[in-house]
Amino acid sequence: MKKTETMKEKKPSKRLAKLAGLLICMLVASCASTKSVPYFQDVSLAEQSALANAAPFSDPVILPDDILSISIFTIDPASTAAVNQVSPQQALGSSSAGAIGQQQISGYLVDKKGEVELPVVGKIKLSGLTTYDARDVIRAKAKDFFKDPTVQVRFANFKVTILGEVARPAAYTLPNEKVSILDALGLAGDLTIYGKRENVLLIRDNNGKKEFARFSLNSAKLFNSPYYYLKQNDVIYIEPNKGKAASLNTARVQTLAIIGSALSVLVVLFSRL
């Protein structure tokens, strides 16, 4: 009779022990692993010099719907005042200072035909050209109207979008054309601890077709990628890791921790009976 009662007492004790172990495993698994957090883990001292010039940069080309900042300067500033005073264009994005929403950007809109219309100078086709080439084209035509003109051309709405697990997801309008993936992530405040660094997605519009590329921030191979330097309208998406799901319900995690602690205490008490 006593032996049967002892066996009945041990069975609940074993069950509680297994349940407590299972809950502890769940809690441990819910914690985000820090092994994949550091960037470029495979960069050795021998590779550092080789990585310096790994990713070639190619100048972006002008496309329809781009907004260009175009300025023409001469000895007589009054003669080019009409060209240099342009109406602001509406653009959606965020500045490097962090202001998000509709922005007023001064510049000339490239129309669907790839042309811009400058006061006095007239229409000029610029699509398919770099800003360097566009400067020469505009200068050649401006010589018919101005004496010894100097021309400056730059993108006014060079925009990239960063979504997902970053501190400040948004569309960012950038002040220059040479922008790397790391520059863009820095503007967005870097990845959160829940961002998948080993599976970053880049979406690029290439002649009307969507182009997809994946890369790992943990690997130095990123510096060799043709996608290391961004083009206008690129989208970067950071996927959440498994730890994100656990963090969405803090109360549930806390409850499991309390239950696990309580069961552990019960296991100890039953084991002493």
Protein backbone atom coordinates (compact mmCIF):
# COMPACT_ATOMS: atom_id res chain seq x y z
CA MET A 1 0.00 0.00 0.00
CA LYS A 2 2.81 2.41 0.94
CA LYS A 3 4.75 1.48 -2.21
CA THR A 4 1.75 2.31 -4.42
CA GLU A 5 1.29 5.68 -2.71
CA THR A 6 5.00 6.47 -3.19
CA MET A 7 4.77 5.69 -6.92
CA LYS A 8 1.71 7.95 -7.26
CA GLU A 9 3.59 10.76 -5.53
CA LYS A 10 6.61 10.38 -7.87
CA LYS A 11 4.57 10.51 -11.07
CA PRO A 12 3.31 14.09 -10.56
CA SER A 13 6.83 15.07 -9.54
CA LYS A 14 8.29 13.75 -12.81
CA ARG A 15 5.57 15.37 -14.86
CA LEU A 16 6.17 18.72 -13.20
CA ALA A 17 9.90 18.38 -13.76
CA LYS A 18 9.38 17.71 -17.48
CA LEU A 19 6.93 20.61 -17.78
CA ALA A 20 9.33 22.98 -16.01
CA GLY A 21 12.15 21.87 -18.33
CA LEU A 22 9.98 22.45 -21.39
CA LEU A 23 9.05 25.95 -20.27
CA ILE A 24 12.67 26.82 -19.56
CA CYS A 25 13.64 25.65 -23.06
CA MET A 26 10.89 27.80 -24.53
CA LEU A 27 12.15 30.84 -22.64
CA VAL A 28 15.73 30.26 -23.74
CA ALA A 29 14.68 29.77 -27.37
CA SER A 30 12.66 32.99 -27.30
CA CYS A 31 15.76 35.05 -26.60
CA ALA A 32 17.39 36.52 -29.72
CA SER A 33 20.76 34.97 -30.48
CA THR A 34 23.63 37.45 -30.46
CA LYS A 35 25.93 35.33 -32.62
CA SER A 36 24.63 36.87 -35.85
CA VAL A 37 24.61 40.48 -34.62
CA PRO A 38 28.21 41.62 -35.46
CA TYR A 39 28.77 42.78 -39.04
CA PHE A 40 31.49 41.42 -41.37
CA GLN A 41 32.60 38.63 -39.05
CA ASP A 42 34.79 37.00 -41.69
CA VAL A 43 37.01 40.00 -42.42
CA SER A 44 40.61 39.09 -41.68
CA LEU A 45 43.57 41.45 -41.54
CA ALA A 46 44.85 40.01 -44.80
CA GLU A 47 41.58 40.82 -46.58
CA GLN A 48 41.22 44.41 -45.41
CA SER A 49 43.48 45.94 -48.06
CA ALA A 50 41.81 43.89 -50.83
CA LEU A 51 38.36 45.09 -49.77
CA ALA A 52 39.27 48.77 -50.11
CA ASN A 53 38.41 48.91 -53.83
CA ALA A 54 36.18 45.84 -54.07
CA ALA A 55 32.87 47.39 -55.18
CA PRO A 56 33.05 49.61 -58.29
CA PHE A 57 30.80 52.66 -58.37
CA SER A 58 28.89 53.60 -61.51
CA ASP A 59 27.19 56.97 -61.80
CA PRO A 60 23.37 56.76 -61.78
CA VAL A 61 21.56 57.87 -64.91
CA ILE A 62 18.69 60.31 -65.18
CA LEU A 63 15.23 58.77 -65.52
CA PRO A 64 11.71 60.14 -66.11
CA ASP A 65 10.13 61.60 -62.95
CA ASP A 66 13.52 62.49 -61.49
CA ILE A 67 13.88 66.00 -60.11
CA LEU A 68 17.11 67.74 -61.11
CA SER A 69 18.77 70.72 -59.54
CA ILE A 70 20.11 72.70 -62.52
CA SER A 71 22.01 75.97 -62.17
CA ILE A 72 23.60 78.12 -64.86
CA PHE A 73 26.12 80.80 -63.88
CA THR A 74 27.60 83.60 -65.97
CA ILE A 75 29.52 86.81 -65.35
CA ASP A 76 26.15 88.60 -65.24
CA PRO A 77 24.01 86.80 -62.59
CA ALA A 78 20.87 88.69 -63.64
CA SER A 79 20.93 87.08 -67.09
CA THR A 80 20.45 83.56 -65.69
CA ALA A 81 18.14 84.45 -62.79
CA ALA A 82 15.12 82.96 -64.58
CA VAL A 83 16.85 79.58 -64.91
CA ASN A 84 18.06 79.44 -61.33
CA GLN A 85 14.73 80.38 -59.74
CA VAL A 86 12.56 77.30 -60.11
CA SER A 87 9.25 76.27 -58.60
CA PRO A 88 9.44 73.66 -55.83
CA GLN A 89 8.28 70.11 -56.63
CA GLN A 90 6.39 67.81 -54.26
CA ALA A 91 8.29 64.68 -53.20
CA LEU A 92 7.54 62.04 -50.58
CA GLY A 93 10.41 61.15 -48.32
CA SER A 94 12.55 61.95 -45.33
CA SER A 95 15.50 64.26 -45.16
CA SER A 96 18.74 63.28 -43.43
CA ALA A 97 17.52 65.39 -40.52
CA GLY A 98 14.58 63.02 -40.06
CA ALA A 99 11.60 65.11 -41.21
CA ILE A 100 9.18 62.67 -42.85
CA GLY A 101 6.34 63.51 -45.21
CA GLN A 102 5.70 65.66 -48.26
CA GLN A 103 8.79 67.75 -49.04
CA GLN A 104 9.23 70.81 -51.19
CA ILE A 105 12.21 70.16 -53.48
CA SER A 106 13.44 72.87 -55.82
CA GLY A 107 14.33 71.51 -59.23
CA TYR A 108 13.24 70.60 -62.73
CA LEU A 109 11.03 67.55 -63.21
CA VAL A 110 12.11 65.15 -65.96
CA ASP A 111 8.95 64.45 -67.98
CA LYS A 112 7.80 61.13 -69.44
CA LYS A 113 9.78 61.83 -72.61
CA GLY A 114 12.96 62.25 -70.57
CA GLU A 115 13.11 66.01 -71.15
CA VAL A 116 13.38 69.08 -68.94
CA GLU A 117 12.29 72.55 -70.00
CA LEU A 118 14.56 75.39 -68.91
CA PRO A 119 13.54 79.06 -69.15
CA VAL A 120 15.23 80.80 -72.09
CA VAL A 121 17.13 77.63 -73.07
CA GLY A 122 14.09 75.48 -73.88
CA LYS A 123 13.58 71.69 -73.82
CA ILE A 124 16.57 69.38 -73.44
CA LYS A 125 16.51 65.57 -73.43
CA LEU A 126 18.49 64.27 -70.46
CA SER A 127 17.15 60.78 -69.70
CA GLY A 128 19.79 58.06 -69.91
CA LEU A 129 22.60 60.51 -69.11
CA THR A 130 24.64 60.86 -65.95
CA THR A 131 24.61 64.26 -64.26
CA TYR A 132 28.15 64.78 -65.58
CA ASP A 133 27.03 64.19 -69.18
CA ALA A 134 23.87 66.25 -68.67
CA ARG A 135 26.01 69.18 -67.57
CA ASP A 136 27.89 69.12 -70.88
CA VAL A 137 24.68 68.84 -72.92
CA ILE A 138 23.07 71.79 -71.12
CA ARG A 139 26.22 73.89 -71.38
CA ALA A 140 26.42 73.31 -75.13
CA LYS A 141 22.86 74.56 -75.64
CA ALA A 142 23.15 77.37 -73.10
CA LYS A 143 26.05 78.87 -75.07
CA ASP A 144 23.50 80.00 -77.67
CA PHE A 145 21.93 82.28 -75.06
CA PHE A 146 24.61 83.09 -72.48
CA LYS A 147 28.28 84.02 -72.62
CA ASP A 148 30.68 81.47 -71.11
CA PRO A 149 28.07 79.67 -68.96
CA THR A 150 29.01 77.36 -66.12
CA VAL A 151 26.51 74.58 -65.43
CA GLN A 152 25.85 72.46 -62.34
CA VAL A 153 23.52 69.44 -62.37
CA ARG A 154 22.65 67.12 -59.51
CA PHE A 155 19.77 64.92 -58.38
CA ALA A 156 17.38 66.73 -56.05
CA ASN A 157 15.34 63.63 -55.21
CA PHE A 158 17.81 60.76 -55.02
CA LYS A 159 15.60 58.56 -52.84
CA VAL A 160 16.00 55.16 -51.20
CA THR A 161 13.48 53.41 -48.97
CA ILE A 162 14.41 51.37 -45.89
CA LEU A 163 11.70 49.16 -44.39
CA GLY A 164 11.42 46.53 -41.67
CA GLU A 165 13.57 46.11 -38.59
CA VAL A 166 15.45 49.41 -38.52
CA ALA A 167 15.21 52.21 -35.98
CA ARG A 168 13.65 54.73 -38.40
CA PRO A 169 12.00 53.07 -41.44
CA ALA A 170 11.21 55.66 -44.11
CA ALA A 171 11.91 56.89 -47.63
CA TYR A 172 15.06 59.02 -47.50
CA THR A 173 15.97 61.78 -49.94
CA LEU A 174 19.75 61.89 -50.06
CA PRO A 175 22.05 64.83 -50.81
CA ASN A 176 24.49 62.95 -53.06
CA GLU A 177 24.60 60.17 -55.63
CA LYS A 178 27.28 57.90 -54.18
CA VAL A 179 25.36 56.08 -51.46
CA SER A 180 26.16 52.60 -50.17
CA ILE A 181 23.95 50.14 -48.35
CA LEU A 182 25.78 51.00 -45.13
CA ASP A 183 25.15 54.73 -45.65
CA ALA A 184 21.42 54.08 -46.05
CA LEU A 185 21.20 51.83 -42.98
CA GLY A 186 23.10 54.44 -41.00
CA LEU A 187 20.51 57.07 -41.96
CA ALA A 188 17.76 54.72 -40.78
CA GLY A 189 19.43 54.35 -37.39
CA ASP A 190 20.87 50.85 -38.08
CA LEU A 191 19.09 47.52 -37.63
CA THR A 192 17.29 46.71 -34.42
CA ILE A 193 18.39 43.66 -32.44
CA TYR A 194 15.50 41.79 -34.09
CA GLY A 195 16.63 42.39 -37.69
CA LYS A 196 17.96 39.47 -39.77
CA ARG A 197 21.44 40.60 -40.71
CA GLU A 198 22.12 37.46 -42.75
CA ASN A 199 19.19 37.86 -45.15
CA VAL A 200 18.76 41.50 -46.22
CA LEU A 201 16.59 42.06 -49.29
CA LEU A 202 17.18 44.77 -51.90
CA ILE A 203 14.51 45.58 -54.51
CA ARG A 204 15.54 47.56 -57.59
CA ASP A 205 13.53 48.84 -60.53
CA ASN A 206 15.58 47.98 -63.62
CA ASN A 207 13.99 49.23 -66.87
CA GLY A 208 10.49 48.64 -65.57
CA LYS A 209 11.27 45.20 -64.13
CA LYS A 210 11.74 44.40 -60.45
CA GLU A 211 15.16 43.03 -59.58
CA PHE A 212 15.73 41.24 -56.26
CA ALA A 213 19.00 40.62 -54.44
CA ARG A 214 19.78 39.18 -51.03
CA PHE A 215 22.97 39.64 -49.06
CA SER A 216 24.39 39.16 -45.58
CA LEU A 217 25.72 41.95 -43.38
CA ASN A 218 27.69 39.31 -41.48
CA SER A 219 29.92 38.66 -44.49
CA ALA A 220 32.56 40.82 -46.16
CA LYS A 221 31.29 39.55 -49.53
CA LEU A 222 28.88 42.48 -49.37
CA PHE A 223 31.74 44.78 -50.44
CA ASN A 224 32.09 42.79 -53.68
CA SER A 225 28.37 42.93 -54.47
CA PRO A 226 27.17 44.95 -57.48
CA TYR A 227 24.37 46.10 -55.17
CA TYR A 228 26.71 47.62 -52.57
CA TYR A 229 26.13 51.08 -54.06
CA LEU A 230 22.47 52.04 -54.30
CA LYS A 231 20.53 53.53 -57.19
CA GLN A 232 17.65 55.95 -56.95
CA ASN A 233 14.37 54.39 -55.77
CA ASP A 234 16.05 51.27 -54.35
CA VAL A 235 14.16 49.58 -51.50
CA ILE A 236 15.90 47.77 -48.63
CA TYR A 237 13.86 45.41 -46.46
CA ILE A 238 15.08 43.99 -43.15
CA GLU A 239 13.24 40.83 -42.16
CA PRO A 240 12.46 40.21 -38.46
CA ASN A 241 14.05 37.23 -36.74
CA LYS A 242 12.42 34.70 -34.41
CA GLY A 243 13.14 36.85 -31.39
CA LYS A 244 10.74 39.49 -32.71
CA ALA A 245 7.73 37.21 -32.32
CA ALA A 246 8.60 36.62 -28.67
CA SER A 247 9.04 40.34 -28.01
CA LEU A 248 5.57 41.20 -29.34
CA ASN A 249 3.97 39.70 -26.25
CA THR A 250 6.03 40.75 -23.25
CA ALA A 251 3.27 39.86 -20.83
CA ARG A 252 3.18 36.29 -22.13
CA VAL A 253 6.93 35.88 -21.71
CA GLN A 254 6.76 37.25 -18.18
CA THR A 255 3.89 34.90 -17.34
CA LEU A 256 5.84 31.89 -18.63
CA ALA A 257 8.84 32.93 -16.55
CA ILE A 258 6.71 33.17 -13.40
CA ILE A 259 5.05 29.81 -14.09
CA GLY A 260 8.44 28.23 -14.78
CA SER A 261 9.83 29.55 -11.50
CA ALA A 262 6.77 28.40 -9.58
CA LEU A 263 6.93 24.91 -11.08
CA SER A 264 10.63 24.68 -10.29
CA VAL A 265 9.85 25.45 -6.65
CA LEU A 266 7.08 22.82 -6.64
CA VAL A 267 9.44 20.25 -8.15
CA VAL A 268 11.95 20.90 -5.39
CA LEU A 269 9.25 20.62 -2.72
CA PHE A 270 7.83 17.37 -4.13
CA SER A 271 11.27 15.87 -4.48
CA ARG A 272 11.86 16.34 -0.77
CA LEU A 273 8.62 14.59 0.26
